[in-house]
């Protein structure tokens, strides 16, 4: 038996292969995530997202990481919105709102309905290679709340669902989870004093939360945050009250997870810990093994997750805009003007692959 309903899967290229189409029809995953490798032109991207919808019995999640700055998956076909550090430095809330709104317009035209943004991590180590260079709104929780909140608000006004990340505090990492599993000595009390504040303040306006692949041994000595019942079920859901919203892992194909857990075990641990969805962004050929592992979980557990996915689908996901060449050109023009008005912030060079996917 297989259960693909709690998976979000990546796609190999700019078109669906017959093998991928057959796999997705069979598994009926919760949704899909697209990267730069999938995006060649606006018309091609919209056809791809339309094709993915046509494969699905229910409206699927069609997600992307579109943060602005260097994490802009559409940078080959459209101007990139200013990065979070650049917008925060400009301290112009109207420009932050425009960045969120124009990002939403662009994504909805292309057929997306969920953006894995904003980043809510506090930038504890601005000189460290922890995959967050050029992606954080700042170190001060209030600054993050103000600017990420404004950006998030206007993204959602354009009918694109949002996802705060990377809970509880990827900003505490001092290495890149794409390569290995970072560890932080932070305690729950320390996280509550600083890192969790943006999540609690913005929780009513967040549609989903993504977990960090970071080890917090003083909170859970056994599992990283993304696979931790202590952090997800007891802290995020029970203590903070984020119980009816969608919660999902970061990509389980990152080195932080693949070097420690096998495919199947990782997905099973993720759902047991309280995630509703497991992300498999690159090794889609392992999706059947993941779906078999999910089918082995207790029925009450998978039913609880499916209920949240269905609620999210019903309340948060919107159909794409009718395609318009005119609207596309206008949106790209808006983004280009905004980028010209907001100078980018020089950041420490990074060897993280996050901007290249």
Foldseek 3Di string as FASTA:
>chain_A
DFAQAQAEEAAQAQAHDPVNLVVCLVRQYLYYEYALRNDDELVSLLVRLVSRCVSHPARHAYEYAQQFDLRHRHVNYFPTFAALCLVLVVVDLVLLLLNLQLVLQSQLLSWHAEYADDELAEQPDQQAQAVCWRRYNYNANVSSLSRRVSSLVNSVVSQHAYEYDAPPHSSQFRHYQLAAEGEHQDAPVNSVVGRCVSCLSCVVSHQEYEYDSYHHCNQPVPHGRQLALSNAVVNVCPVSPSPLHAYEYDACNGNHNVVPDDQLRVLLSNLVSPHLHYYHHHPVVCSRSNRVSVVPDDPVSNVSSSNSSVVCSVPRGDGGDDHDPVSNVVSSVSSVVSCVVGDHDDGHDHPDCSSVD
